[in-house]
Amino acid sequence: MAWLRKPFGRRSEPQESLPDAPAEDAVEVPAAWPPVPADDGVKAPVQAAPVAPAELPAEPVPAAAPAPQLAPVPAAAPVASVAPVRPTPQKPVASAVPAAPAEPEVESAPAAAPERERKNWMDKLRAGLRKTGTSISTVFTGTKIDEDLYEELEAALLMADAGVKATSFLLEDLRQRVKAAKAAEPAQVKGLLVEAITELLRPLEKGLVIGEHEPTVIMVAGVNGAGKTTSIGKLTRHLAEADASVLLAAADTFRAAAREQLGVWATRNTVEIIGQQGGDPAAVSFDAVTAGKARGKDVVLVDTAGRLPTQLHLMEELRKIKRVITKADASAPHEVLLVIDGNTGQNALAQVKAFDDALELTGLIVTKLDGTAKGGVLAAIAQERPVPVYFIGVGEKLEDLQTFNAREFAQALLG
């Protein structure tokens, strides 16, 4: 998939030995064949058997004297036998004819599918952020660029949950861009604001790396109701489609039916799951990492129980899970992801700060941007706690979870 920065190391090795390699050597061999008949004198009778019938029809008159012809025939036999006995030189010719037109067609057909999929995704993202985009876009319907425009834009950004710091930064950056571009129309200012937001969000772009560790252990946290387990199921499906073997750890042993919910996703994606009813979350995590190493899995996804950052004793449980995972694998967890609800606004920023302080987050998954989400919270995160955003979601379907792109988000945010 596009969002994977590095191919899975274990699956790239068998592709290095291609069956066409000997065919290339076979094309160059005829130059060395003339001296070979001296060494293949023993093999000449074997080749003479099929060659003799082929030569007899050509000269039917001396059919009564086969013995004299056996002496001169071996000199012509190696030359005549090169074409029929060596079928390999014909393989490159046969395969090259269909390969030339076939390869562009095969590559161009699937290339159009991702473009259509991404376009559909952009339409959904714009629809999800339409309320925010409309409120900001109305600022640029005037006829001149003045202080009133900047004041209205400041209010719109604050209402979009961009936060005070991010709003101040964007307005200052926008003033400089307007001055440098010598913009005279409010519509031009809107385009410059898209560029400013894109540059602010650019540090949040990062691809999820799989394959540097075997297995790659991903610990997923989040408060109840943020869509954590559903996001794990969607991520599992994406990884499985990318030919990665996944093992799920049902470490959310406190919430009712959490293990069953994760089990449904495991069944849909045909992956294995480790869990025990009412067991210790840290113990389940330890068993899952150990099993992942023993079974040669590419990824181990650990689903932890929902935690409120204000409940310190529950946050301490997350720290314990992380410590125990490190005991099973000294380099793990390799990724610590936080799932946040895009509808929670500035509260999402508070969650990012609290969980980052406790677990040292490596990435975010922002969900439910198709609801009443204001979207500007990503600008606040980029300004105050720039934790990379791996994925954003705008719905319940599998394809509604996609990689984060700063420019796409900025364009959707402003409609």
Protein backbone atom coordinates (compact mmCIF):
# COMPACT_ATOMS: atom_id res chain seq x y z
CA MET A 1 0.00 0.00 0.00
CA ALA A 2 0.91 3.58 -0.42
CA TRP A 3 1.10 4.33 3.21
CA LEU A 4 3.80 1.80 3.90
CA ARG A 5 7.19 3.42 3.74
CA LYS A 6 9.11 0.21 3.69
CA PRO A 7 8.25 -3.19 2.19
CA PHE A 8 8.12 -6.18 4.43
CA GLY A 9 11.69 -7.46 4.50
CA ARG A 10 10.78 -11.10 4.63
CA ARG A 11 8.65 -11.07 1.55
CA SER A 12 11.06 -9.37 -0.83
CA GLU A 13 13.70 -12.15 -0.85
CA PRO A 14 12.03 -14.82 -3.00
CA GLN A 15 11.44 -12.35 -5.81
CA GLU A 16 15.15 -11.90 -6.55
CA SER A 17 15.57 -15.19 -8.46
CA LEU A 18 13.59 -14.80 -11.67
CA PRO A 19 13.08 -17.69 -14.09
CA ASP A 20 13.97 -15.49 -17.07
CA ALA A 21 17.63 -15.16 -15.99
CA PRO A 22 18.85 -18.26 -17.86
CA ALA A 23 17.07 -17.02 -20.95
CA GLU A 24 19.34 -13.98 -21.15
CA ASP A 25 22.43 -16.20 -20.92
CA ALA A 26 21.01 -18.44 -23.62
CA VAL A 27 20.95 -15.60 -26.12
CA GLU A 28 24.68 -15.04 -25.78
CA VAL A 29 25.61 -18.75 -25.91
CA PRO A 30 25.56 -19.27 -29.73
CA ALA A 31 28.80 -17.30 -30.03
CA ALA A 32 30.54 -20.06 -28.01
CA TRP A 33 28.89 -23.03 -29.72
CA PRO A 34 31.29 -23.58 -32.72
CA PRO A 35 34.12 -24.96 -30.54
CA VAL A 36 31.74 -27.17 -28.55
CA PRO A 37 31.25 -29.99 -31.13
CA ALA A 38 34.83 -31.17 -30.54
CA ASP A 39 33.94 -31.87 -26.89
CA ASP A 40 30.47 -33.20 -27.67
CA GLY A 41 31.56 -35.87 -30.04
CA VAL A 42 30.11 -38.51 -27.75
CA LYS A 43 26.72 -36.80 -27.77
CA ALA A 44 26.60 -36.62 -31.60
CA PRO A 45 25.00 -40.08 -32.03
CA VAL A 46 22.25 -39.03 -29.62
CA GLN A 47 21.49 -35.97 -31.71
CA ALA A 48 21.95 -37.82 -34.95
CA ALA A 49 18.91 -40.00 -34.25
CA PRO A 50 16.35 -37.18 -34.58
CA VAL A 51 18.40 -35.32 -37.23
CA ALA A 52 18.72 -38.24 -39.64
CA PRO A 53 14.99 -38.44 -40.42
CA ALA A 54 14.91 -34.67 -40.97
CA GLU A 55 17.79 -34.86 -43.51
CA LEU A 56 16.57 -37.94 -45.41
CA PRO A 57 13.62 -36.26 -47.08
CA ALA A 58 15.91 -33.49 -48.31
CA GLU A 59 18.06 -35.99 -50.32
CA PRO A 60 15.92 -39.03 -51.22
CA VAL A 61 18.25 -40.22 -54.03
CA PRO A 62 21.20 -41.46 -51.90
CA ALA A 63 18.81 -43.28 -49.59
CA ALA A 64 20.59 -46.54 -50.33
CA ALA A 65 23.90 -45.20 -48.97
CA PRO A 66 23.23 -44.06 -45.41
CA ALA A 67 26.70 -45.06 -44.19
CA PRO A 68 28.65 -42.54 -46.33
CA GLN A 69 26.31 -39.75 -45.20
CA LEU A 70 26.96 -40.39 -41.50
CA ALA A 71 30.49 -39.09 -41.88
CA PRO A 72 29.64 -35.63 -43.31
CA VAL A 73 26.36 -35.27 -41.41
CA PRO A 74 27.98 -34.80 -37.96
CA ALA A 75 29.66 -31.65 -39.26
CA ALA A 76 26.25 -30.24 -40.16
CA ALA A 77 24.48 -31.91 -37.26
CA PRO A 78 25.68 -29.52 -34.54
CA VAL A 79 24.69 -26.55 -36.68
CA ALA A 80 21.29 -28.03 -37.49
CA SER A 81 20.73 -29.19 -33.93
CA VAL A 82 21.35 -25.76 -32.39
CA ALA A 83 17.90 -24.50 -33.40
CA PRO A 84 15.68 -27.49 -32.42
CA VAL A 85 17.68 -28.86 -29.48
CA ARG A 86 18.06 -25.45 -27.80
CA PRO A 87 14.49 -24.18 -27.31
CA THR A 88 15.54 -21.64 -24.69
CA PRO A 89 16.69 -18.94 -27.20
CA GLN A 90 13.11 -18.85 -28.43
CA LYS A 91 11.70 -18.03 -24.95
CA PRO A 92 12.83 -14.41 -24.82
CA VAL A 93 11.37 -13.82 -28.26
CA ALA A 94 8.06 -15.47 -27.37
CA SER A 95 7.75 -13.73 -24.02
CA ALA A 96 8.90 -10.33 -25.24
CA VAL A 97 6.15 -10.04 -27.84
CA PRO A 98 3.19 -10.16 -25.42
CA ALA A 99 5.11 -8.55 -22.57
CA ALA A 100 5.64 -5.20 -24.32
CA PRO A 101 1.95 -4.32 -24.79
CA ALA A 102 0.75 -6.24 -21.73
CA GLU A 103 2.85 -4.53 -19.04
CA PRO A 104 1.64 -0.96 -19.66
CA GLU A 105 -1.97 -2.16 -19.73
CA VAL A 106 -1.63 -4.11 -16.48
CA GLU A 107 0.05 -1.20 -14.70
CA SER A 108 -2.25 1.49 -16.05
CA ALA A 109 -5.45 -0.31 -15.08
CA PRO A 110 -4.74 -0.50 -11.33
CA ALA A 111 -3.13 2.94 -11.40
CA ALA A 112 -6.52 4.49 -12.15
CA ALA A 113 -8.18 2.70 -9.22
CA PRO A 114 -6.14 4.45 -6.49
CA GLU A 115 -6.86 7.80 -8.13
CA ARG A 116 -10.59 7.15 -8.07
CA GLU A 117 -10.37 5.87 -4.51
CA ARG A 118 -8.46 8.95 -3.39
CA LYS A 119 -10.92 11.25 -5.15
CA ASN A 120 -13.82 9.55 -3.37
CA TRP A 121 -11.90 9.94 -0.15
CA MET A 122 -11.43 13.67 -0.74
CA ASP A 123 -15.14 14.07 -1.39
CA LYS A 124 -15.92 12.37 1.92
CA LEU A 125 -13.34 14.47 3.75
CA ARG A 126 -14.76 17.69 2.33
CA ALA A 127 -18.25 16.58 3.30
CA GLY A 128 -17.09 15.81 6.84
CA LEU A 129 -15.41 19.21 7.24
CA ARG A 130 -18.07 21.15 5.34
CA LYS A 131 -19.33 23.06 8.39
CA THR A 132 -15.85 24.28 9.21
CA GLY A 133 -14.99 25.01 5.59
CA THR A 134 -18.18 27.02 5.08
CA SER A 135 -17.65 29.19 8.13
CA ILE A 136 -14.09 30.02 7.09
CA SER A 137 -14.84 30.48 3.38
CA THR A 138 -17.50 33.11 4.06
CA VAL A 139 -14.72 35.37 5.32
CA PHE A 140 -13.34 35.67 1.78
CA THR A 141 -16.59 36.73 0.10
CA GLY A 142 -15.84 40.44 0.54
CA THR A 143 -14.28 42.81 -1.95
CA LYS A 144 -11.17 44.04 -0.14
CA ILE A 145 -8.39 42.93 2.17
CA ASP A 146 -8.47 44.90 5.42
CA GLU A 147 -8.32 44.42 9.18
CA ASP A 148 -11.97 43.39 9.27
CA LEU A 149 -11.12 40.40 7.10
CA TYR A 150 -8.34 39.30 9.45
CA GLU A 151 -10.58 39.74 12.50
CA GLU A 152 -13.33 37.64 10.95
CA LEU A 153 -10.78 35.02 9.96
CA GLU A 154 -9.41 34.92 13.51
CA ALA A 155 -12.89 34.28 14.90
CA ALA A 156 -13.54 31.55 12.32
CA LEU A 157 -10.27 29.74 13.13
CA LEU A 158 -10.97 29.87 16.85
CA MET A 159 -14.45 28.46 16.25
CA ALA A 160 -12.81 25.65 14.25
CA ASP A 161 -10.86 24.64 17.39
CA ALA A 162 -7.53 25.74 15.95
CA GLY A 163 -6.61 27.21 19.33
CA VAL A 164 -5.13 30.57 20.24
CA LYS A 165 -1.50 29.72 19.48
CA ALA A 166 -2.16 28.13 16.10
CA THR A 167 -4.56 30.91 15.12
CA SER A 168 -2.04 33.63 15.97
CA PHE A 169 0.67 31.78 14.07
CA LEU A 170 -1.51 31.32 10.97
CA LEU A 171 -2.62 34.96 10.90
CA GLU A 172 0.94 36.25 11.16
CA ASP A 173 2.11 33.83 8.49
CA LEU A 174 -0.82 34.78 6.26
CA ARG A 175 -0.08 38.52 6.52
CA GLN A 176 3.47 37.90 5.35
CA ARG A 177 2.30 35.75 2.45
CA VAL A 178 -0.26 38.34 1.36
CA LYS A 179 2.39 41.04 1.43
CA ALA A 180 4.93 38.94 -0.49
CA ALA A 181 2.38 37.92 -3.12
CA LYS A 182 0.94 41.45 -3.35
CA ALA A 183 -2.52 39.92 -3.23
CA ALA A 184 -5.37 42.31 -3.98
CA GLU A 185 -8.42 40.02 -3.89
CA PRO A 186 -9.84 38.14 -0.87
CA ALA A 187 -10.05 35.01 -3.04
CA GLN A 188 -6.25 35.10 -3.31
CA VAL A 189 -6.00 35.26 0.47
CA LYS A 190 -7.97 32.03 0.72
CA GLY A 191 -5.44 30.27 -1.50
CA LEU A 192 -2.59 31.65 0.57
CA LEU A 193 -4.29 30.41 3.75
CA VAL A 194 -4.40 26.90 2.26
CA GLU A 195 -0.63 27.11 1.76
CA ALA A 196 -0.11 28.39 5.32
CA ILE A 197 -2.18 25.57 6.85
CA THR A 198 -0.41 23.02 4.67
CA GLU A 199 3.00 24.17 5.88
CA LEU A 200 1.81 24.10 9.49
CA LEU A 201 0.47 20.55 9.19
CA ARG A 202 3.35 19.20 7.10
CA PRO A 203 5.38 17.96 10.12
CA LEU A 204 2.45 15.72 11.06
CA GLU A 205 2.82 13.69 7.85
CA LYS A 206 4.50 10.37 8.50
CA GLY A 207 4.07 6.85 7.15
CA LEU A 208 3.72 3.81 9.36
CA VAL A 209 6.89 1.71 9.05
CA ILE A 210 6.50 -2.06 9.07
CA GLY A 211 9.32 -4.55 8.59
CA GLU A 212 12.23 -3.05 10.51
CA HIS A 213 11.38 -5.30 13.46
CA GLU A 214 10.00 -8.82 13.53
CA PRO A 215 7.40 -8.53 14.75
CA THR A 216 6.54 -4.83 14.77
CA VAL A 217 4.68 -4.33 18.05
CA ILE A 218 2.02 -1.60 17.95
CA MET A 219 0.37 -0.54 21.20
CA VAL A 220 -2.92 1.33 20.72
CA ALA A 221 -4.48 3.53 23.43
CA GLY A 222 -7.44 5.89 23.64
CA VAL A 223 -10.42 6.86 25.73
CA ASN A 224 -13.67 4.90 25.57
CA GLY A 225 -15.80 5.85 22.60
CA ALA A 226 -12.99 7.24 20.44
CA GLY A 227 -13.23 4.33 17.99
CA LYS A 228 -10.07 2.57 19.16
CA THR A 229 -11.11 -1.05 18.58
CA THR A 230 -12.76 -0.24 15.23
CA SER A 231 -9.62 1.57 14.08
CA ILE A 232 -7.54 -1.47 15.07
CA GLY A 233 -9.82 -3.66 12.97
CA LYS A 234 -9.49 -1.37 9.94
CA LEU A 235 -5.73 -1.13 10.37
CA THR A 236 -5.55 -4.93 10.59
CA ARG A 237 -7.40 -5.22 7.30
CA HIS A 238 -5.06 -2.75 5.58
CA LEU A 239 -2.02 -4.64 6.86
CA ALA A 240 -3.46 -7.99 5.79
CA GLU A 241 -4.11 -6.62 2.29
CA ALA A 242 -0.47 -5.52 2.21
CA ASP A 243 0.50 -9.18 2.79
CA ALA A 244 1.49 -8.72 6.44
CA SER A 245 0.70 -11.42 8.98
CA VAL A 246 -1.00 -9.87 12.02
CA LEU A 247 -1.60 -11.10 15.57
CA LEU A 248 -4.13 -9.27 17.74
CA ALA A 249 -3.83 -8.94 21.52
CA ALA A 250 -7.14 -8.41 23.33
CA ALA A 251 -5.65 -6.58 26.30
CA ASP A 252 -8.84 -4.58 26.93
CA THR A 253 -10.02 -7.04 29.56
CA PHE A 254 -12.09 -4.57 31.58
CA ARG A 255 -14.69 -3.36 29.07
CA ALA A 256 -17.62 -5.66 28.53
CA ALA A 257 -17.56 -7.49 25.16
CA ALA A 258 -14.29 -5.79 24.16
CA ARG A 259 -12.65 -9.14 23.47
CA GLU A 260 -15.67 -10.29 21.46
CA GLN A 261 -15.66 -7.07 19.43
CA LEU A 262 -11.99 -7.51 18.57
CA GLY A 263 -12.66 -11.17 17.82
CA VAL A 264 -15.20 -10.17 15.16
CA TRP A 265 -12.53 -8.12 13.39
CA ALA A 266 -10.08 -11.02 13.72
CA THR A 267 -12.59 -13.32 12.04
CA ARG A 268 -13.29 -10.84 9.25
CA ASN A 269 -9.59 -10.42 8.55
CA THR A 270 -8.72 -14.09 9.18
CA VAL A 271 -6.01 -13.26 11.71
CA GLU A 272 -5.14 -14.83 15.05
CA ILE A 273 -6.05 -13.31 18.39
CA ILE A 274 -4.61 -13.76 21.89
CA GLY A 275 -6.78 -13.00 24.90
CA GLN A 276 -8.32 -14.27 28.10
CA GLN A 277 -11.54 -13.28 29.76
CA GLY A 278 -10.90 -11.13 32.83
CA GLY A 279 -7.13 -11.66 32.61
CA ASP A 280 -4.45 -9.15 33.43
CA PRO A 281 -3.94 -6.76 30.45
CA ALA A 282 -0.17 -6.74 30.86
CA ALA A 283 -0.04 -10.55 30.94
CA VAL A 284 -2.14 -10.78 27.77
CA SER A 285 0.18 -8.30 26.06
CA PHE A 286 3.25 -10.27 27.13
CA ASP A 287 1.78 -13.54 25.82
CA ALA A 288 0.84 -11.91 22.52
CA VAL A 289 4.32 -10.49 21.87
CA THR A 290 5.93 -13.80 22.79
CA ALA A 291 3.54 -15.69 20.52
CA GLY A 292 4.14 -13.20 17.71
CA LYS A 293 7.88 -13.80 17.86
CA ALA A 294 7.46 -17.58 18.01
CA ARG A 295 5.00 -17.70 15.12
CA GLY A 296 6.96 -15.33 12.90
CA LYS A 297 4.29 -12.64 12.68
CA ASP A 298 4.97 -9.32 10.99
CA VAL A 299 2.80 -7.22 13.31
CA VAL A 300 1.40 -7.58 16.82
CA LEU A 301 -1.43 -5.12 17.54
CA VAL A 302 -2.17 -4.62 21.24
CA ASP A 303 -5.63 -3.26 22.05
CA THR A 304 -5.54 -1.64 25.49
CA ALA A 305 -8.45 -0.62 27.68
CA GLY A 306 -9.90 2.86 27.32
CA ARG A 307 -8.42 5.32 29.77
CA LEU A 308 -9.29 8.83 30.83
CA PRO A 309 -6.12 10.90 31.25
CA THR A 310 -7.52 12.34 34.48
CA GLN A 311 -7.64 8.89 36.11
CA LEU A 312 -4.05 8.51 37.17
CA HIS A 313 -4.36 4.93 38.45
CA LEU A 314 -5.68 3.82 35.07
CA MET A 315 -2.92 5.66 33.22
CA GLU A 316 -0.43 3.83 35.42
CA GLU A 317 -1.90 0.56 34.13
CA LEU A 318 -0.97 1.64 30.60
CA ARG A 319 2.59 2.32 31.72
CA LYS A 320 2.68 -1.19 33.20
CA ILE A 321 1.54 -2.72 29.90
CA LYS A 322 4.29 -0.87 28.07
CA ARG A 323 6.93 -2.05 30.59
CA VAL A 324 5.79 -5.67 30.32
CA ILE A 325 5.85 -5.53 26.51
CA THR A 326 9.47 -4.38 26.77
CA LYS A 327 10.24 -7.47 28.86
CA ALA A 328 8.91 -9.69 26.07
CA ASP A 329 10.86 -7.73 23.43
CA ALA A 330 13.56 -5.29 24.51
CA SER A 331 12.96 -3.02 21.50
CA ALA A 332 9.16 -3.03 21.80
CA PRO A 333 6.71 -1.41 21.61
CA HIS A 334 7.87 0.03 18.31
CA GLU A 335 4.77 2.18 17.85
CA VAL A 336 2.51 3.71 20.50
CA LEU A 337 -0.61 5.10 18.83
CA LEU A 338 -3.39 7.19 20.33
CA VAL A 339 -6.88 7.20 18.82
CA ILE A 340 -8.67 10.52 19.30
CA ASP A 341 -12.19 11.59 18.40
CA GLY A 342 -12.11 14.55 16.00
CA ASN A 343 -15.36 15.83 17.48
CA THR A 344 -13.86 16.57 20.89
CA GLY A 345 -12.04 19.72 19.77
CA GLN A 346 -9.59 21.14 22.27
CA ASN A 347 -10.19 18.16 24.54
CA ALA A 348 -8.42 16.05 21.92
CA LEU A 349 -5.34 18.24 22.34
CA ALA A 350 -5.50 17.70 26.11
CA GLN A 351 -5.64 13.94 25.54
CA VAL A 352 -2.64 14.04 23.24
CA LYS A 353 -0.61 15.92 25.86
CA ALA A 354 -1.59 13.57 28.72
CA PHE A 355 -1.02 10.31 26.85
CA ASP A 356 2.21 11.60 25.30
CA ASP A 357 3.56 12.46 28.73
CA ALA A 358 2.67 8.99 30.02
CA LEU A 359 3.55 6.78 27.04
CA GLU A 360 5.69 8.84 24.63
CA LEU A 361 3.35 8.60 21.66
CA THR A 362 4.72 7.89 18.18
CA GLY A 363 1.55 8.55 16.19
CA LEU A 364 -2.14 9.47 16.14
CA ILE A 365 -5.29 8.14 14.51
CA VAL A 366 -7.97 10.84 14.25
CA THR A 367 -11.47 9.42 13.83
CA LYS A 368 -15.04 10.63 13.23
CA LEU A 369 -14.16 13.63 11.08
CA ASP A 370 -17.46 13.00 9.29
CA GLY A 371 -19.52 14.13 12.29
CA THR A 372 -19.55 17.58 13.79
CA ALA A 373 -15.77 17.70 13.71
CA LYS A 374 -14.26 21.15 13.31
CA GLY A 375 -10.92 19.89 12.09
CA GLY A 376 -8.92 22.85 13.30
CA VAL A 377 -7.69 20.82 16.25
CA LEU A 378 -5.00 19.36 14.00
CA ALA A 379 -3.57 22.85 13.63
CA ALA A 380 -3.50 23.13 17.42
CA ILE A 381 -1.76 19.75 17.71
CA ALA A 382 0.80 20.75 15.06
CA GLN A 383 1.55 23.98 16.92
CA GLU A 384 1.62 22.72 20.52
CA ARG A 385 2.31 18.94 20.43
CA PRO A 386 3.34 17.83 16.91
CA VAL A 387 2.76 14.09 17.21
CA PRO A 388 2.57 12.54 13.70
CA VAL A 389 -0.89 11.71 12.36
CA TYR A 390 -0.76 8.32 10.66
CA PHE A 391 -4.43 7.98 9.74
CA ILE A 392 -7.68 9.94 9.73
CA GLY A 393 -11.17 8.48 9.47
CA VAL A 394 -14.44 9.83 8.10
CA GLY A 395 -16.78 6.85 8.45
CA GLU A 396 -17.38 3.25 9.45
CA LYS A 397 -16.29 1.59 6.20
CA LEU A 398 -12.85 0.11 5.72
CA GLU A 399 -11.92 2.61 3.01
CA ASP A 400 -12.93 5.47 5.31
CA LEU A 401 -9.61 5.16 7.18
CA GLN A 402 -6.84 6.70 5.08
CA THR A 403 -3.36 8.10 5.46
CA PHE A 404 -3.04 11.75 6.45
CA ASN A 405 -1.96 14.28 3.82
CA ALA A 406 -1.43 17.88 4.90
CA ARG A 407 -2.39 19.52 1.59
CA GLU A 408 -5.47 17.38 1.13
CA PHE A 409 -6.62 18.20 4.64
CA ALA A 410 -6.00 21.94 4.21
CA GLN A 411 -7.95 21.99 0.94
CA ALA A 412 -10.84 20.05 2.48
CA LEU A 413 -10.82 22.27 5.56
CA LEU A 414 -11.40 25.38 3.46
CA GLY A 415 -13.86 23.70 1.14
